[in-house]
Amino acid sequence: MIVEIECLPNPPGTADSPYRHVEAAIAVIERSGLAFEVDALGTTFQGEPELCWEVARRVHEACLQAGARSVVTIAKFAQHADPATEPTIESLTGKFRS
């Protein structure tokens, strides 16, 4: 499964750390052990479906635990019925990297 997730915490951070609540969400993905890429407007990660669903929920909740008053999370989940045909982040985006 591939997941693209974007968290929109309110506020996104604190005066001292403007993106603290967003960075807390990214830290959950980093600690998960899943392959991931952080982009300007979201983060993509991949792995077994059960773990991806769990991580997505923890990412959302991390914003609130970090101190955000509220959070809206936008996520896209891509999964094939046959795991052998499942694309990867690399297979979908590798040719576009410089």
C-alpha atoms as a PDB file:
ATOM      1  CA  MET A   1       0.000   0.000   0.000  1.00  0.00           C
ATOM      2  CA  ILE A   2       1.095   3.548  -0.707  1.00  0.00           C
ATOM      3  CA  VAL A   3      -0.260   6.425   1.371  1.00  0.00           C
ATOM      4  CA  GLU A   4       0.012  10.137   0.701  1.00  0.00           C
ATOM      5  CA  ILE A   5      -0.920  12.160   3.768  1.00  0.00           C
ATOM      6  CA  GLU A   6      -1.164  15.852   4.564  1.00  0.00           C
ATOM      7  CA  CYS A   7      -1.941  17.150   8.045  1.00  0.00           C
ATOM      8  CA  LEU A   8      -3.290  20.658   8.511  1.00  0.00           C
ATOM      9  CA  PRO A   9      -2.996  21.366  12.233  1.00  0.00           C
ATOM     10  CA  ASN A  10      -4.277  24.607  13.701  1.00  0.00           C
ATOM     11  CA  PRO A  11      -1.952  26.198  14.494  1.00  0.00           C
ATOM     12  CA  PRO A  12       0.810  24.455  12.497  1.00  0.00           C
ATOM     13  CA  GLY A  13       3.298  25.110  15.297  1.00  0.00           C
ATOM     14  CA  THR A  14       4.429  27.546  17.935  1.00  0.00           C
ATOM     15  CA  ALA A  15       6.169  30.909  17.871  1.00  0.00           C
ATOM     16  CA  ASP A  16       9.507  29.198  18.558  1.00  0.00           C
ATOM     17  CA  SER A  17       8.888  26.309  16.136  1.00  0.00           C
ATOM     18  CA  PRO A  18       6.471  27.363  13.364  1.00  0.00           C
ATOM     19  CA  TYR A  19       5.883  23.789  12.077  1.00  0.00           C
ATOM     20  CA  ARG A  20       6.185  21.881  15.350  1.00  0.00           C
ATOM     21  CA  HIS A  21       2.822  20.110  15.045  1.00  0.00           C
ATOM     22  CA  VAL A  22       3.488  19.093  11.428  1.00  0.00           C
ATOM     23  CA  GLU A  23       6.970  17.869  12.358  1.00  0.00           C
ATOM     24  CA  ALA A  24       5.458  15.732  15.127  1.00  0.00           C
ATOM     25  CA  ALA A  25       3.341  13.998  12.484  1.00  0.00           C
ATOM     26  CA  ILE A  26       6.361  13.406  10.237  1.00  0.00           C
ATOM     27  CA  ALA A  27       8.289  11.995  13.198  1.00  0.00           C
ATOM     28  CA  VAL A  28       5.654   9.261  13.563  1.00  0.00           C
ATOM     29  CA  ILE A  29       6.351   8.174   9.987  1.00  0.00           C
ATOM     30  CA  GLU A  30      10.119   8.334  10.527  1.00  0.00           C
ATOM     31  CA  ARG A  31       9.860   6.083  13.598  1.00  0.00           C
ATOM     32  CA  SER A  32       7.556   3.601  11.835  1.00  0.00           C
ATOM     33  CA  GLY A  33      10.378   2.059   9.809  1.00  0.00           C
ATOM     34  CA  LEU A  34       8.347   2.418   6.605  1.00  0.00           C
ATOM     35  CA  ALA A  35       9.869   3.794   3.405  1.00  0.00           C
ATOM     36  CA  PHE A  36       8.789   7.420   3.025  1.00  0.00           C
ATOM     37  CA  GLU A  37       9.387  10.718   1.257  1.00  0.00           C
ATOM     38  CA  VAL A  38       8.591  14.153   2.640  1.00  0.00           C
ATOM     39  CA  ASP A  39       7.417  16.643   0.041  1.00  0.00           C
ATOM     40  CA  ALA A  40       6.571  20.333   0.324  1.00  0.00           C
ATOM     41  CA  LEU A  41       2.844  19.711   0.819  1.00  0.00           C
ATOM     42  CA  GLY A  42       2.640  16.191   2.221  1.00  0.00           C
ATOM     43  CA  THR A  43       4.399  12.922   2.920  1.00  0.00           C
ATOM     44  CA  THR A  44       4.194   9.612   1.058  1.00  0.00           C
ATOM     45  CA  PHE A  45       4.922   6.284   2.727  1.00  0.00           C
ATOM     46  CA  GLN A  46       4.529   2.632   1.796  1.00  0.00           C
ATOM     47  CA  GLY A  47       4.237  -0.731   3.489  1.00  0.00           C
ATOM     48  CA  GLU A  48       1.880  -3.485   4.538  1.00  0.00           C
ATOM     49  CA  PRO A  49      -1.742  -2.269   4.640  1.00  0.00           C
ATOM     50  CA  GLU A  50      -2.310  -2.989   8.340  1.00  0.00           C
ATOM     51  CA  LEU A  51       0.717  -0.946   9.329  1.00  0.00           C
ATOM     52  CA  CYS A  52      -0.069   1.875   6.892  1.00  0.00           C
ATOM     53  CA  TRP A  53      -3.580   2.306   8.323  1.00  0.00           C
ATOM     54  CA  GLU A  54      -2.180   2.332  11.860  1.00  0.00           C
ATOM     55  CA  VAL A  55       0.543   4.846  10.997  1.00  0.00           C
ATOM     56  CA  ALA A  56      -1.935   7.144   9.237  1.00  0.00           C
ATOM     57  CA  ARG A  57      -4.058   7.295  12.370  1.00  0.00           C
ATOM     58  CA  ARG A  58      -1.041   7.961  14.602  1.00  0.00           C
ATOM     59  CA  VAL A  59       0.163  10.699  12.220  1.00  0.00           C
ATOM     60  CA  HIS A  60      -3.198  12.469  12.517  1.00  0.00           C
ATOM     61  CA  GLU A  61      -3.277  12.135  16.301  1.00  0.00           C
ATOM     62  CA  ALA A  62       0.349  13.300  16.670  1.00  0.00           C
ATOM     63  CA  CYS A  63      -0.634  16.838  15.704  1.00  0.00           C
ATOM     64  CA  LEU A  64      -3.102  17.039  18.581  1.00  0.00           C
ATOM     65  CA  GLN A  65      -0.696  15.385  21.009  1.00  0.00           C
ATOM     66  CA  ALA A  66       1.948  17.947  20.026  1.00  0.00           C
ATOM     67  CA  GLY A  67      -0.369  20.791  21.021  1.00  0.00           C
ATOM     68  CA  ALA A  68      -2.499  21.693  18.000  1.00  0.00           C
ATOM     69  CA  ARG A  69      -6.027  22.826  18.859  1.00  0.00           C
ATOM     70  CA  SER A  70      -7.417  20.957  15.845  1.00  0.00           C
ATOM     71  CA  VAL A  71      -6.286  19.063  12.758  1.00  0.00           C
ATOM     72  CA  VAL A  72      -7.677  18.176   9.353  1.00  0.00           C
ATOM     73  CA  THR A  73      -5.897  15.313   7.605  1.00  0.00           C
ATOM     74  CA  ILE A  74      -6.138  14.596   3.896  1.00  0.00           C
ATOM     75  CA  ALA A  75      -4.999  11.116   2.872  1.00  0.00           C
ATOM     76  CA  LYS A  76      -4.943   8.990  -0.266  1.00  0.00           C
ATOM     77  CA  PHE A  77      -4.499   5.217  -0.026  1.00  0.00           C
ATOM     78  CA  ALA A  78      -3.476   3.091  -3.036  1.00  0.00           C
ATOM     79  CA  GLN A  79      -3.650  -0.686  -2.864  1.00  0.00           C
ATOM     80  CA  HIS A  80      -3.758  -3.529  -5.400  1.00  0.00           C
ATOM     81  CA  ALA A  81      -5.740  -6.730  -4.866  1.00  0.00           C
ATOM     82  CA  ASP A  82      -2.611  -8.679  -5.860  1.00  0.00           C
ATOM     83  CA  PRO A  83       0.331  -7.509  -3.717  1.00  0.00           C
ATOM     84  CA  ALA A  84       2.744  -8.798  -6.381  1.00  0.00           C
ATOM     85  CA  THR A  85       1.561  -6.032  -8.717  1.00  0.00           C
ATOM     86  CA  GLU A  86       1.684  -3.294  -6.077  1.00  0.00           C
ATOM     87  CA  PRO A  87       3.634  -0.240  -7.292  1.00  0.00           C
ATOM     88  CA  THR A  88       6.224   1.439  -5.081  1.00  0.00           C
ATOM     89  CA  ILE A  89       7.086   5.069  -4.511  1.00  0.00           C
ATOM     90  CA  GLU A  90      10.221   4.498  -6.596  1.00  0.00           C
ATOM     91  CA  SER A  91       8.409   2.814  -9.491  1.00  0.00           C
ATOM     92  CA  LEU A  92       5.919   5.681  -9.703  1.00  0.00           C
ATOM     93  CA  THR A  93       8.226   8.662  -9.235  1.00  0.00           C
ATOM     94  CA  GLY A  94      11.802   7.513  -9.831  1.00  0.00           C
ATOM     95  CA  LYS A  95      11.950   8.564 -13.476  1.00  0.00           C
ATOM     96  CA  PHE A  96      11.118  12.136 -12.507  1.00  0.00           C
ATOM     97  CA  ARG A  97      14.020  12.592 -10.106  1.00  0.00           C
ATOM     98  CA  SER A  98      17.111  14.473 -11.229  1.00  0.00           C
END
